[in-house]
Amino acid sequence: MLPYTRVKKIIAAKQKERADRLAELQSVYGAPLTAEEISIFKTPVAEIASKVKAGEIEPIDVLHAYGKRTLKAQEDTNCLTEILFKDAEKQAEICNKNGALAGIPISFKDTVSIAGYDSTLGYTKFAFNPLKSDSTLVTILKEAGALPYCKTNIPTTLLSYESYNNVFGRSENPHVKGYSPGGSSGGEAALLAYGGGRVGMGTDVAGSVRVPSHFSGLYTVRSSYGRIPRAGNTAPLRGQDGITSIYSPMCRYFEDLEYVFKAIIDLKPWEYDYTTHPIPWREISLPAKLKIGVMYDDGVVTPAPACARALQLTVDALKKQGHEVVIFTPPSPLEALRIATQLIVADAGKMGTSHLLSRFEKYDLGVTKFINIARLPAFIKKIWAWYILKVKGDPVLATLLKNWSEKSQFEYMNLIMEREGYRGDFFNAWKESGIDFLLTVPNATPALPHNGMFEAFASVGYASMFNLVDYSSGVIPVIHVDKNVDALPADFSLKGLNYVAKGAYRNYDATKMHGLPVGVQIVGRRLEEEKVLKMMGRTIDALRDIGIEYELLNEP
């Protein structure tokens, strides 16, 4: 392993490279916004592309507008990793002006491979090792006329709802400083929430596009595996396929989300990429009245007051539209959490930590805690789990503790069988309920304070359940935390809560969180992205009809 002094030099050099690239842009992108650029902010993606095609807007003008906001976003949130503006300017001159995404600047999570630029993934090991080719996703988006202009920050290992790493540091939530914009697509969320773009691409293996959208106030849909191409990109957990990471768009405005998703599918990515199913875009017309299931509580962590309020407001809005809303009880959410967390880190973190060049390089505190537990000798965990169950009376922690460990091939194959069994049970429960969609929270709490994952590292069940079953699931922002109505009851106590719930609630403070976004999660069946998008739109309309319309940050 390299001495830490050498590692520090790599970090300093990489940060200087970013700073120098940003400084080169100041003469153009540091200038005040013009009236024309402000009008671009008000223009949906479909309309921008149409105006580019008609010659009414030049792609470079769109890039300049969002580029100026991006530099401000970087100053306030530290959301960027790679700066691609110079190449984006060249792309603006030659881009396909007849494409569905003509002239649209698109940002990418740092995992996305773009020729000539690093994907450090937050590891010094991968610094100054530019990729030789674009991934399939970048290739087809360029063919549609898009302008890749920056890459965004992530947590080391990607296994966190925070976004900080040794190379680029920590990203801030643009709504309330001191709080996470989410993870692992957290830099992406910070950039879009600030207004530095309309469209970005992130990944999701346990909530990594949905939770940042919930934390930062964005629209997204976690697609099922096989709808969005993923070949040619990078990842720290190479070979982890027990729960497959997928790529999905994240958008500042809902009207852009459906358009961009359709644009990607219309490009027939299966003709470019073996990871993509040959499923063309399907036009969907939903029935006037729907049966909607709601999961108010997963039995592991009860949603905090702000999240519960957003969920109830959404339920009330849908009921007012005449939809039938029923309680949906999934197969044991604790079992889903147990299986999912084991599959994602079946190697007890060996792959994720193998890329560290020095033992002094740090990674997320929550991941550190999980790995330390997973690497304890089995007999210690069995004794510990027995004590937690019999003496402390916490079956949740006892269940998780005794199962978190490095898996043998035999154990891993049994886990895959458990995954398939859970998927079958979930499918049957959904079918028997007769619901069209499921409504729940994306996470038990709003955004975490920095380092909050140390306490809340296991509170991921509301998101990871749908990765486990591979169901399409979208997030829409609904409200902001209000210190006057979202405070915990005066008699609230952590006593009696299980370990996972305690970890979540230790971070909850409505006064400190005042102004943070709060979203809801809308779930459809596997490969039903078109239906989920339609239901998201209908839900937004229903909320608007009762006077609730989410207010974006930094609106023009």
Protein backbone atom coordinates (compact mmCIF):
# COMPACT_ATOMS: atom_id res chain seq x y z
CA MET A 1 0.00 0.00 0.00
CA LEU A 2 1.22 3.49 -0.81
CA PRO A 3 2.30 5.87 1.97
CA TYR A 4 -0.47 8.34 2.76
CA THR A 5 1.78 11.26 1.73
CA ARG A 6 1.74 9.87 -1.80
CA VAL A 7 -2.01 9.45 -1.69
CA LYS A 8 -2.42 13.05 -0.49
CA LYS A 9 -0.38 14.24 -3.47
CA ILE A 10 -2.69 12.36 -5.84
CA ILE A 11 -5.74 13.92 -4.18
CA ALA A 12 -4.23 17.41 -4.32
CA ALA A 13 -3.32 16.98 -7.99
CA LYS A 14 -6.81 15.75 -8.88
CA GLN A 15 -8.49 18.60 -7.04
CA LYS A 16 -6.14 21.07 -8.74
CA GLU A 17 -7.08 19.62 -12.12
CA ARG A 18 -10.75 20.25 -11.36
CA ALA A 19 -10.06 23.74 -10.03
CA ASP A 20 -7.99 24.65 -13.08
CA ARG A 21 -10.70 23.45 -15.46
CA LEU A 22 -13.29 25.48 -13.58
CA ALA A 23 -11.06 28.56 -13.59
CA GLU A 24 -10.71 28.34 -17.39
CA LEU A 25 -14.47 28.68 -17.68
CA GLN A 26 -14.88 31.84 -15.62
CA SER A 27 -14.63 34.33 -18.48
CA VAL A 28 -17.74 32.88 -20.11
CA TYR A 29 -19.57 30.90 -17.43
CA GLY A 30 -18.79 33.30 -14.61
CA ALA A 31 -20.68 36.12 -16.32
CA PRO A 32 -24.19 37.13 -15.20
CA LEU A 33 -27.17 35.36 -16.76
CA THR A 34 -28.76 37.09 -19.71
CA ALA A 35 -32.51 37.45 -20.22
CA GLU A 36 -32.31 34.87 -23.01
CA GLU A 37 -30.54 32.39 -20.72
CA ILE A 38 -33.13 32.86 -18.00
CA SER A 39 -35.84 32.09 -20.54
CA ILE A 40 -34.03 28.84 -21.36
CA PHE A 41 -34.43 27.78 -17.71
CA LYS A 42 -38.19 28.07 -18.17
CA THR A 43 -38.24 25.89 -21.27
CA PRO A 44 -38.92 22.11 -21.06
CA VAL A 45 -36.49 19.68 -22.67
CA ALA A 46 -38.91 18.79 -25.48
CA GLU A 47 -39.39 22.44 -26.37
CA ILE A 48 -35.66 23.21 -26.26
CA ALA A 49 -34.97 20.32 -28.64
CA SER A 50 -37.75 21.53 -30.93
CA LYS A 51 -36.36 25.07 -30.96
CA VAL A 52 -32.84 23.79 -31.66
CA LYS A 53 -34.21 21.81 -34.59
CA ALA A 54 -36.01 24.92 -35.88
CA GLY A 55 -32.88 27.07 -35.51
CA GLU A 56 -34.49 29.28 -32.85
CA ILE A 57 -31.97 28.30 -30.17
CA GLU A 58 -28.35 27.30 -30.59
CA PRO A 59 -27.04 24.37 -28.50
CA ILE A 60 -24.15 26.49 -27.24
CA ASP A 61 -26.63 28.96 -25.74
CA VAL A 62 -28.32 26.19 -23.76
CA LEU A 63 -24.93 24.99 -22.54
CA HIS A 64 -23.93 28.51 -21.48
CA ALA A 65 -27.14 28.98 -19.50
CA TYR A 66 -26.91 25.77 -17.53
CA GLY A 67 -23.13 26.00 -17.32
CA LYS A 68 -23.37 29.28 -15.44
CA ARG A 69 -25.74 27.74 -12.92
CA THR A 70 -23.49 24.67 -12.68
CA LEU A 71 -20.52 26.74 -11.58
CA LYS A 72 -22.66 28.34 -8.87
CA ALA A 73 -23.91 24.92 -7.83
CA GLN A 74 -20.32 23.70 -7.51
CA GLU A 75 -19.42 26.69 -5.32
CA ASP A 76 -22.34 26.04 -2.99
CA THR A 77 -22.56 22.24 -2.93
CA ASN A 78 -19.29 20.69 -4.21
CA CYS A 79 -21.28 18.48 -6.56
CA LEU A 80 -18.85 18.02 -9.49
CA THR A 81 -16.04 15.61 -10.26
CA GLU A 82 -15.06 15.83 -13.94
CA ILE A 83 -15.47 19.06 -15.92
CA LEU A 84 -16.36 18.37 -19.57
CA PHE A 85 -17.39 21.87 -20.72
CA LYS A 86 -14.71 22.30 -23.39
CA ASP A 87 -15.66 19.04 -25.06
CA ALA A 88 -19.34 19.90 -24.62
CA GLU A 89 -18.73 23.13 -26.54
CA LYS A 90 -17.23 21.12 -29.39
CA GLN A 91 -20.15 18.71 -29.23
CA ALA A 92 -22.55 21.66 -29.43
CA GLU A 93 -21.11 22.53 -32.85
CA ILE A 94 -21.61 19.06 -34.32
CA CYS A 95 -24.53 17.62 -32.34
CA ASN A 96 -27.55 16.09 -34.05
CA LYS A 97 -29.96 19.02 -34.24
CA ASN A 98 -32.75 16.72 -35.34
CA GLY A 99 -32.39 14.46 -32.33
CA ALA A 100 -34.90 14.13 -29.50
CA LEU A 101 -32.33 15.61 -27.10
CA ALA A 102 -30.81 18.18 -29.45
CA GLY A 103 -28.77 20.71 -27.50
CA ILE A 104 -29.70 19.31 -24.07
CA PRO A 105 -26.85 19.37 -21.53
CA ILE A 106 -26.86 16.12 -19.56
CA SER A 107 -24.83 15.46 -16.42
CA PHE A 108 -23.65 12.01 -15.39
CA LYS A 109 -22.87 10.25 -12.16
CA ASP A 110 -19.13 9.66 -11.85
CA THR A 111 -19.56 5.96 -12.63
CA VAL A 112 -20.47 6.72 -16.25
CA SER A 113 -17.64 6.15 -18.72
CA ILE A 114 -16.83 9.13 -20.93
CA ALA A 115 -13.80 8.96 -23.22
CA GLY A 116 -10.88 11.12 -22.11
CA TYR A 117 -12.04 11.52 -18.51
CA ASP A 118 -11.52 9.65 -15.27
CA SER A 119 -14.09 7.68 -13.37
CA THR A 120 -12.29 7.81 -10.05
CA LEU A 121 -15.33 6.50 -8.13
CA GLY A 122 -13.85 8.46 -5.23
CA TYR A 123 -10.71 6.29 -5.15
CA THR A 124 -7.24 7.75 -5.65
CA LYS A 125 -6.32 4.48 -7.39
CA PHE A 126 -8.37 5.46 -10.44
CA ALA A 127 -7.20 9.09 -10.68
CA PHE A 128 -5.40 10.16 -13.88
CA ASN A 129 -6.50 7.05 -15.73
CA PRO A 130 -8.84 8.47 -18.40
CA LEU A 131 -11.25 6.10 -20.04
CA LYS A 132 -10.67 5.19 -23.65
CA SER A 133 -14.28 5.04 -24.85
CA ASP A 134 -17.80 6.20 -24.10
CA SER A 135 -20.26 3.79 -22.54
CA THR A 136 -23.32 2.77 -24.54
CA LEU A 137 -25.49 5.21 -22.60
CA VAL A 138 -23.27 8.17 -23.48
CA THR A 139 -23.00 7.03 -27.09
CA ILE A 140 -26.73 6.90 -27.71
CA LEU A 141 -27.43 10.13 -25.85
CA LYS A 142 -24.86 11.90 -28.01
CA GLU A 143 -26.52 10.43 -31.10
CA ALA A 144 -29.78 11.96 -29.87
CA GLY A 145 -28.08 15.38 -29.75
CA ALA A 146 -27.27 15.59 -26.03
CA LEU A 147 -24.24 17.44 -24.64
CA PRO A 148 -22.40 15.64 -21.79
CA TYR A 149 -20.97 18.52 -19.76
CA CYS A 150 -19.98 17.26 -16.31
CA LYS A 151 -19.76 14.29 -13.97
CA THR A 152 -20.98 14.34 -10.40
CA ASN A 153 -19.92 13.27 -6.94
CA ILE A 154 -20.55 9.96 -5.19
CA PRO A 155 -19.61 8.12 -2.00
CA THR A 156 -16.68 5.72 -2.00
CA THR A 157 -18.10 2.19 -2.52
CA LEU A 158 -21.49 3.76 -3.57
CA LEU A 159 -23.08 2.09 -0.51
CA SER A 160 -24.37 5.18 1.24
CA TYR A 161 -27.10 7.82 1.28
CA GLU A 162 -24.26 10.33 1.75
CA SER A 163 -21.88 11.50 -1.00
CA TYR A 164 -18.31 12.04 0.11
CA ASN A 165 -14.97 10.52 -0.78
CA ASN A 166 -11.24 11.05 -0.39
CA VAL A 167 -10.70 12.54 -3.83
CA PHE A 168 -13.40 15.20 -4.14
CA GLY A 169 -14.74 15.63 -0.62
CA ARG A 170 -18.33 16.04 0.54
CA SER A 171 -21.38 17.26 -1.36
CA GLU A 172 -23.92 19.53 0.35
CA ASN A 173 -27.68 19.58 0.14
CA PRO A 174 -28.53 22.88 -1.58
CA HIS A 175 -31.64 23.35 0.57
CA VAL A 176 -30.08 23.12 4.04
CA LYS A 177 -26.35 23.17 4.63
CA GLY A 178 -25.01 20.43 6.85
CA TYR A 179 -27.28 17.84 5.27
CA SER A 180 -26.69 15.21 2.59
CA PRO A 181 -28.12 15.61 -0.92
CA GLY A 182 -28.37 11.82 -0.90
CA GLY A 183 -26.35 8.94 -2.19
CA SER A 184 -25.00 7.38 -4.06
CA SER A 185 -26.17 9.73 -6.86
CA GLY A 186 -25.82 12.65 -4.46
CA GLY A 187 -23.72 15.03 -6.54
CA GLU A 188 -26.24 14.56 -9.34
CA ALA A 189 -29.09 15.43 -6.99
CA ALA A 190 -27.32 18.54 -5.65
CA LEU A 191 -26.59 19.83 -9.15
CA LEU A 192 -30.13 19.37 -10.45
CA ALA A 193 -31.82 20.64 -7.29
CA TYR A 194 -29.71 23.79 -7.43
CA GLY A 195 -30.72 24.37 -11.04
CA GLY A 196 -27.45 23.48 -12.77
CA GLY A 197 -29.28 21.21 -15.19
CA ARG A 198 -32.61 19.67 -16.08
CA VAL A 199 -31.50 16.08 -16.73
CA GLY A 200 -28.91 13.78 -15.20
CA MET A 201 -28.17 10.07 -15.13
CA GLY A 202 -27.66 8.11 -11.91
CA THR A 203 -27.60 4.52 -10.71
CA ASP A 204 -29.68 2.65 -8.15
CA VAL A 205 -28.86 -0.57 -6.28
CA ALA A 206 -30.57 0.23 -2.96
CA GLY A 207 -32.24 3.59 -3.53
CA SER A 208 -29.43 5.55 -5.15
CA VAL A 209 -31.57 7.61 -7.52
CA ARG A 210 -34.76 7.58 -5.44
CA VAL A 211 -33.31 8.61 -2.07
CA PRO A 212 -31.28 11.54 -3.52
CA SER A 213 -34.46 12.67 -5.32
CA HIS A 214 -36.35 12.46 -2.02
CA PHE A 215 -33.55 14.25 -0.12
CA SER A 216 -33.11 16.99 -2.74
CA GLY A 217 -36.52 17.48 -4.35
CA LEU A 218 -36.32 15.80 -7.79
CA TYR A 219 -38.26 13.44 -10.03
CA THR A 220 -36.95 10.01 -10.96
CA VAL A 221 -38.02 6.49 -11.77
CA ARG A 222 -35.94 3.49 -10.82
CA SER A 223 -36.33 1.29 -13.87
CA SER A 224 -36.26 -2.48 -13.78
CA TYR A 225 -33.12 -4.18 -15.01
CA GLY A 226 -32.87 -4.14 -18.78
CA ARG A 227 -34.65 -0.93 -19.78
CA ILE A 228 -31.67 1.46 -19.66
CA PRO A 229 -28.25 0.40 -21.07
CA ARG A 230 -25.45 -0.09 -18.56
CA ALA A 231 -22.61 -1.74 -20.50
CA GLY A 232 -19.24 -0.02 -20.58
CA ASN A 233 -19.62 1.90 -17.33
CA THR A 234 -17.54 1.55 -14.18
CA ALA A 235 -18.40 0.32 -10.70
CA PRO A 236 -16.54 -0.26 -7.44
CA LEU A 237 -18.44 -3.47 -6.57
CA ARG A 238 -17.46 -5.30 -9.72
CA GLY A 239 -19.20 -8.62 -10.14
CA GLN A 240 -21.92 -7.85 -7.57
CA ASP A 241 -25.00 -9.06 -9.37
CA GLY A 242 -27.18 -10.43 -6.59
CA ILE A 243 -29.09 -7.15 -6.81
CA THR A 244 -28.24 -5.48 -10.07
CA SER A 245 -27.46 -1.79 -10.23
CA ILE A 246 -29.45 0.00 -12.91
CA TYR A 247 -29.16 3.39 -14.64
CA SER A 248 -32.06 5.81 -14.61
CA PRO A 249 -32.68 9.49 -15.39
CA MET A 250 -33.12 12.09 -12.66
CA CYS A 251 -34.89 15.34 -13.56
CA ARG A 252 -35.59 18.73 -12.06
CA TYR A 253 -39.06 18.77 -13.66
CA PHE A 254 -41.49 15.89 -14.10
CA GLU A 255 -42.43 16.89 -17.66
CA ASP A 256 -38.81 16.21 -18.67
CA LEU A 257 -38.62 12.80 -16.99
CA GLU A 258 -41.14 11.01 -19.16
CA TYR A 259 -39.81 12.69 -22.30
CA VAL A 260 -36.19 11.71 -21.60
CA PHE A 261 -37.05 8.16 -20.62
CA LYS A 262 -39.02 7.72 -23.83
CA ALA A 263 -36.21 9.30 -25.86
CA ILE A 264 -33.74 6.72 -24.52
CA ILE A 265 -36.06 3.79 -25.26
CA ASP A 266 -36.85 5.15 -28.74
CA LEU A 267 -33.13 4.98 -29.54
CA LYS A 268 -33.46 1.16 -29.42
CA PRO A 269 -30.59 0.67 -26.97
CA TRP A 270 -30.89 -3.12 -27.31
CA GLU A 271 -29.30 -2.74 -30.74
CA TYR A 272 -26.20 -1.30 -29.02
CA ASP A 273 -26.08 -3.05 -25.69
CA TYR A 274 -26.54 -6.68 -24.63
CA THR A 275 -27.77 -5.58 -21.16
CA THR A 276 -30.95 -4.03 -22.57
CA HIS A 277 -34.23 -5.82 -23.27
CA PRO A 278 -35.82 -5.24 -26.71
CA ILE A 279 -38.91 -3.56 -25.26
CA PRO A 280 -40.07 -0.54 -27.30
CA TRP A 281 -41.82 2.38 -25.62
CA ARG A 282 -45.44 1.55 -24.83
CA GLU A 283 -48.12 4.23 -24.83
CA ILE A 284 -50.21 3.78 -21.70
CA SER A 285 -53.72 4.86 -20.85
CA LEU A 286 -54.62 4.24 -17.20
CA PRO A 287 -58.20 3.54 -16.07
CA ALA A 288 -60.05 6.51 -14.60
CA LYS A 289 -60.30 4.77 -11.22
CA LEU A 290 -57.43 2.76 -9.77
CA LYS A 291 -56.85 0.54 -6.78
CA ILE A 292 -53.83 1.85 -4.94
CA GLY A 293 -52.07 0.05 -2.13
CA VAL A 294 -50.35 2.04 0.59
CA MET A 295 -47.60 0.88 2.93
CA TYR A 296 -47.64 3.28 5.84
CA ASP A 297 -45.11 1.34 7.89
CA ASP A 298 -42.72 -1.47 6.99
CA GLY A 299 -42.60 -2.76 10.56
CA VAL A 300 -38.91 -1.94 10.85
CA VAL A 301 -38.91 1.87 10.90
CA THR A 302 -42.08 3.95 11.14
CA PRO A 303 -41.77 6.99 8.84
CA ALA A 304 -40.86 10.23 10.61
CA PRO A 305 -43.58 12.90 10.89
CA ALA A 306 -42.58 14.87 7.77
CA CYS A 307 -42.47 11.73 5.62
CA ALA A 308 -45.72 10.44 7.09
CA ARG A 309 -47.36 13.80 6.34
CA ALA A 310 -46.25 13.76 2.70
CA LEU A 311 -47.57 10.22 2.32
CA GLN A 312 -50.93 11.01 3.94
CA LEU A 313 -51.41 14.16 1.85
CA THR A 314 -50.82 12.07 -1.26
CA VAL A 315 -53.27 9.41 -0.12
CA ASP A 316 -55.89 12.08 0.60
CA ALA A 317 -55.36 13.67 -2.82
CA LEU A 318 -55.80 10.34 -4.62
CA LYS A 319 -58.88 9.46 -2.59
CA LYS A 320 -60.41 12.78 -3.54
CA GLN A 321 -59.97 11.80 -7.19
CA GLY A 322 -62.11 8.72 -6.53
CA HIS A 323 -59.35 6.12 -6.43
CA GLU A 324 -59.67 3.19 -4.05
CA VAL A 325 -56.86 3.19 -1.50
CA VAL A 326 -56.19 0.08 0.57
CA ILE A 327 -53.53 -1.05 3.02
CA PHE A 328 -50.97 -3.28 1.31
CA THR A 329 -49.04 -5.72 3.49
CA PRO A 330 -45.97 -7.08 1.68
CA PRO A 331 -44.17 -10.26 2.72
CA SER A 332 -41.95 -9.53 5.72
CA PRO A 333 -40.05 -6.29 5.00
CA LEU A 334 -37.47 -7.40 7.56
CA GLU A 335 -36.78 -10.48 5.45
CA ALA A 336 -36.44 -8.25 2.39
CA LEU A 337 -33.94 -6.07 4.24
CA ARG A 338 -32.03 -9.12 5.48
CA ILE A 339 -31.76 -10.69 2.03
CA ALA A 340 -30.99 -7.45 0.19
CA THR A 341 -28.23 -6.25 2.51
CA GLN A 342 -26.55 -9.65 2.43
CA LEU A 343 -26.64 -9.86 -1.35
CA ILE A 344 -25.29 -6.36 -1.92
CA VAL A 345 -22.28 -6.89 0.37
CA ALA A 346 -21.93 -10.68 0.21
CA ASP A 347 -18.15 -10.31 0.22
CA ALA A 348 -18.17 -8.28 3.46
CA GLY A 349 -16.84 -5.29 1.54
CA LYS A 350 -13.72 -6.92 0.09
CA MET A 351 -14.24 -5.64 -3.44
CA GLY A 352 -15.23 -2.12 -2.40
CA THR A 353 -12.24 -1.71 -0.12
CA SER A 354 -9.75 -3.47 -2.42
CA HIS A 355 -9.32 -0.28 -4.45
CA LEU A 356 -7.94 1.74 -1.53
CA LEU A 357 -4.28 2.65 -1.98
CA SER A 358 -3.67 3.41 1.69
CA ARG A 359 -5.08 2.10 4.95
CA PHE A 360 -5.54 5.74 5.91
CA GLU A 361 -8.04 6.40 3.13
CA LYS A 362 -11.49 6.76 4.66
CA TYR A 363 -14.90 5.77 3.39
CA ASP A 364 -18.47 6.23 4.60
CA LEU A 365 -18.92 5.73 8.34
CA GLY A 366 -22.04 3.64 7.89
CA VAL A 367 -20.32 1.34 5.41
CA THR A 368 -17.38 1.10 7.81
CA LYS A 369 -19.70 0.03 10.62
CA PHE A 370 -21.44 -2.55 8.44
CA ILE A 371 -18.16 -4.03 7.19
CA ASN A 372 -16.71 -4.18 10.69
CA ILE A 373 -19.76 -6.14 11.85
CA ALA A 374 -19.72 -8.41 8.80
CA ARG A 375 -16.07 -9.30 9.37
CA LEU A 376 -16.49 -10.32 13.02
CA PRO A 377 -16.08 -14.05 13.71
CA ALA A 378 -19.35 -15.94 13.33
CA PHE A 379 -19.41 -17.21 16.91
CA ILE A 380 -19.15 -13.66 18.27
CA LYS A 381 -22.09 -12.54 16.14
CA LYS A 382 -24.17 -15.52 17.23
CA ILE A 383 -23.57 -14.71 20.90
CA TRP A 384 -24.21 -11.03 20.24
CA ALA A 385 -27.43 -11.78 18.32
CA TRP A 386 -28.64 -14.07 21.14
CA TYR A 387 -28.00 -11.31 23.68
CA ILE A 388 -29.77 -8.72 21.55
CA LEU A 389 -32.80 -10.96 21.11
CA LYS A 390 -33.11 -12.51 24.56
CA VAL A 391 -31.86 -9.68 26.78
CA LYS A 392 -32.51 -6.53 24.74
CA GLY A 393 -35.64 -7.86 23.05
CA ASP A 394 -34.74 -6.58 19.59
CA PRO A 395 -35.56 -9.21 16.93
CA VAL A 396 -34.76 -6.78 14.11
CA LEU A 397 -31.12 -6.28 15.03
CA ALA A 398 -30.75 -9.92 16.06
CA THR A 399 -31.98 -11.06 12.64
CA LEU A 400 -29.61 -8.78 10.78
CA LEU A 401 -26.56 -9.34 12.99
CA LYS A 402 -26.40 -13.09 12.67
CA ASN A 403 -26.68 -12.88 8.87
CA TRP A 404 -24.21 -10.11 8.03
CA SER A 405 -21.06 -11.97 7.02
CA GLU A 406 -18.83 -12.89 4.12
CA LYS A 407 -20.60 -15.61 2.14
CA SER A 408 -19.20 -18.83 0.78
CA GLN A 409 -20.32 -19.83 -2.71
CA PHE A 410 -22.77 -22.28 -1.14
CA GLU A 411 -24.23 -19.57 1.12
CA TYR A 412 -24.44 -17.13 -1.76
CA MET A 413 -26.35 -19.60 -3.91
CA ASN A 414 -28.79 -20.15 -1.06
CA LEU A 415 -29.25 -16.38 -0.81
CA ILE A 416 -30.13 -16.25 -4.49
CA MET A 417 -32.75 -18.93 -3.81
CA GLU A 418 -34.11 -16.82 -0.96
CA ARG A 419 -34.24 -13.80 -3.26
CA GLU A 420 -36.26 -15.74 -5.80
CA GLY A 421 -38.56 -17.05 -3.08
CA TYR A 422 -39.19 -13.54 -1.80
CA ARG A 423 -39.86 -12.29 -5.33
CA GLY A 424 -42.45 -15.02 -5.78
CA ASP A 425 -44.13 -14.24 -2.46
CA PHE A 426 -44.20 -10.51 -3.27
CA PHE A 427 -45.65 -11.19 -6.72
CA ASN A 428 -48.42 -13.31 -5.20
CA ALA A 429 -49.20 -10.76 -2.48
CA TRP A 430 -49.52 -8.02 -5.10
CA LYS A 431 -51.68 -10.20 -7.34
CA GLU A 432 -53.98 -11.24 -4.50
CA SER A 433 -54.42 -7.64 -3.36
CA GLY A 434 -55.56 -6.58 -6.82
CA ILE A 435 -53.72 -3.27 -6.58
CA ASP A 436 -52.55 -1.32 -9.61
CA PHE A 437 -49.82 0.64 -7.80
CA LEU A 438 -48.21 0.86 -4.39
CA LEU A 439 -47.60 4.11 -2.53
CA THR A 440 -45.05 4.48 0.27
CA VAL A 441 -42.19 6.67 1.49
CA PRO A 442 -38.76 6.56 -0.24
CA ASN A 443 -37.01 6.63 3.15
CA ALA A 444 -38.07 6.79 6.77
CA THR A 445 -36.68 10.32 7.20
CA PRO A 446 -35.82 13.36 5.08
CA ALA A 447 -32.17 14.08 4.28
CA LEU A 448 -29.60 12.93 6.79
CA PRO A 449 -27.15 15.28 8.48
CA HIS A 450 -23.56 14.73 7.42
CA ASN A 451 -22.20 11.47 8.84
CA GLY A 452 -25.76 10.45 9.71
CA MET A 453 -25.25 7.10 8.02
CA PHE A 454 -23.16 6.07 11.02
CA GLU A 455 -26.45 5.74 12.89
CA ALA A 456 -28.84 5.12 9.97
CA PHE A 457 -26.75 2.73 7.86
CA ALA A 458 -29.31 -0.10 8.13
CA SER A 459 -32.37 2.08 7.52
CA VAL A 460 -32.63 1.42 3.80
CA GLY A 461 -35.62 -0.91 3.63
CA TYR A 462 -38.18 1.37 1.98
CA ALA A 463 -35.92 1.61 -1.07
CA SER A 464 -34.02 -1.69 -1.14
CA MET A 465 -37.23 -3.78 -1.06
CA PHE A 466 -38.01 -2.74 -4.62
CA ASN A 467 -34.47 -3.39 -5.81
CA LEU A 468 -34.81 -6.88 -4.39
CA VAL A 469 -38.01 -7.57 -6.35
CA ASP A 470 -36.85 -5.43 -9.32
CA TYR A 471 -40.07 -3.39 -9.47
CA SER A 472 -40.30 -0.06 -11.25
CA SER A 473 -40.51 2.71 -8.67
CA GLY A 474 -40.62 6.48 -9.01
CA VAL A 475 -40.23 9.39 -6.62
CA ILE A 476 -41.95 12.77 -6.70
CA PRO A 477 -41.29 15.62 -4.26
CA VAL A 478 -44.38 16.72 -2.33
CA ILE A 479 -43.59 19.11 0.53
CA HIS A 480 -40.77 20.63 2.56
CA VAL A 481 -40.13 19.88 6.22
CA ASP A 482 -41.98 22.38 8.40
CA LYS A 483 -40.62 22.81 11.91
CA ASN A 484 -44.04 23.89 13.13
CA VAL A 485 -45.96 20.77 12.08
CA ASP A 486 -43.36 18.02 11.61
CA ALA A 487 -41.78 17.92 15.06
CA LEU A 488 -41.73 14.70 17.04
CA PRO A 489 -44.39 14.43 19.79
CA ALA A 490 -43.32 15.88 23.13
CA ASP A 491 -43.44 12.42 24.71
CA PHE A 492 -41.43 10.73 21.95
CA SER A 493 -38.68 8.42 23.18
CA LEU A 494 -36.16 6.15 21.51
CA LYS A 495 -36.77 3.64 24.28
CA GLY A 496 -38.53 0.60 22.95
CA LEU A 497 -37.53 1.17 19.31
CA ASN A 498 -35.46 -1.42 17.52
CA TYR A 499 -31.86 -0.66 16.59
CA VAL A 500 -32.62 0.31 12.98
CA ALA A 501 -35.43 2.66 14.01
CA LYS A 502 -33.27 4.25 16.70
CA GLY A 503 -30.57 4.91 14.13
CA ALA A 504 -33.03 6.64 11.84
CA TYR A 505 -34.70 8.74 14.53
CA ARG A 506 -31.46 9.94 16.11
CA ASN A 507 -31.00 12.01 12.97
CA TYR A 508 -34.53 13.47 12.92
CA ASP A 509 -34.91 17.09 14.05
CA ALA A 510 -37.68 19.04 12.29
CA THR A 511 -36.25 22.39 13.39
CA LYS A 512 -32.81 21.71 11.91
CA MET A 513 -34.41 20.02 8.88
CA HIS A 514 -36.80 22.89 8.18
CA GLY A 515 -36.95 23.44 4.42
CA LEU A 516 -35.66 20.03 3.34
CA PRO A 517 -37.67 18.31 0.58
CA VAL A 518 -39.90 15.33 1.27
CA GLY A 519 -41.11 12.95 -1.43
CA VAL A 520 -43.28 9.90 -1.91
CA GLN A 521 -42.55 6.69 -3.79
CA ILE A 522 -44.88 5.23 -6.41
CA VAL A 523 -44.28 1.58 -7.27
CA GLY A 524 -45.46 -0.48 -10.21
CA ARG A 525 -44.68 -4.00 -11.27
CA ARG A 526 -41.47 -5.13 -12.92
CA LEU A 527 -40.78 -3.50 -16.32
CA GLU A 528 -43.80 -1.18 -15.96
CA GLU A 529 -41.90 2.10 -16.22
CA GLU A 530 -44.42 3.65 -18.62
CA LYS A 531 -47.27 2.92 -16.20
CA VAL A 532 -45.33 4.27 -13.23
CA LEU A 533 -44.57 7.47 -15.11
CA LYS A 534 -48.25 7.90 -15.96
CA MET A 535 -49.20 7.32 -12.33
CA MET A 536 -46.59 9.82 -11.17
CA GLY A 537 -48.17 12.42 -13.45
CA ARG A 538 -51.65 11.61 -12.21
CA THR A 539 -50.49 11.89 -8.61
CA ILE A 540 -48.90 15.28 -9.24
CA ASP A 541 -52.20 16.45 -10.75
CA ALA A 542 -54.15 15.10 -7.78
CA LEU A 543 -51.89 16.94 -5.35
CA ARG A 544 -52.20 20.11 -7.38
CA ASP A 545 -56.00 19.84 -7.19
CA ILE A 546 -55.83 20.04 -3.39
CA GLY A 547 -53.46 23.00 -3.51
CA ILE A 548 -50.12 21.20 -3.14
CA GLU A 549 -47.50 22.00 -5.75
CA TYR A 550 -43.86 21.40 -4.93
CA GLU A 551 -41.71 24.54 -5.00
CA LEU A 552 -38.30 24.08 -6.62
CA LEU A 553 -35.16 25.80 -5.42
CA ASN A 554 -33.75 28.69 -7.48
CA GLU A 555 -36.65 28.95 -9.89
CA PRO A 556 -36.05 31.62 -12.58
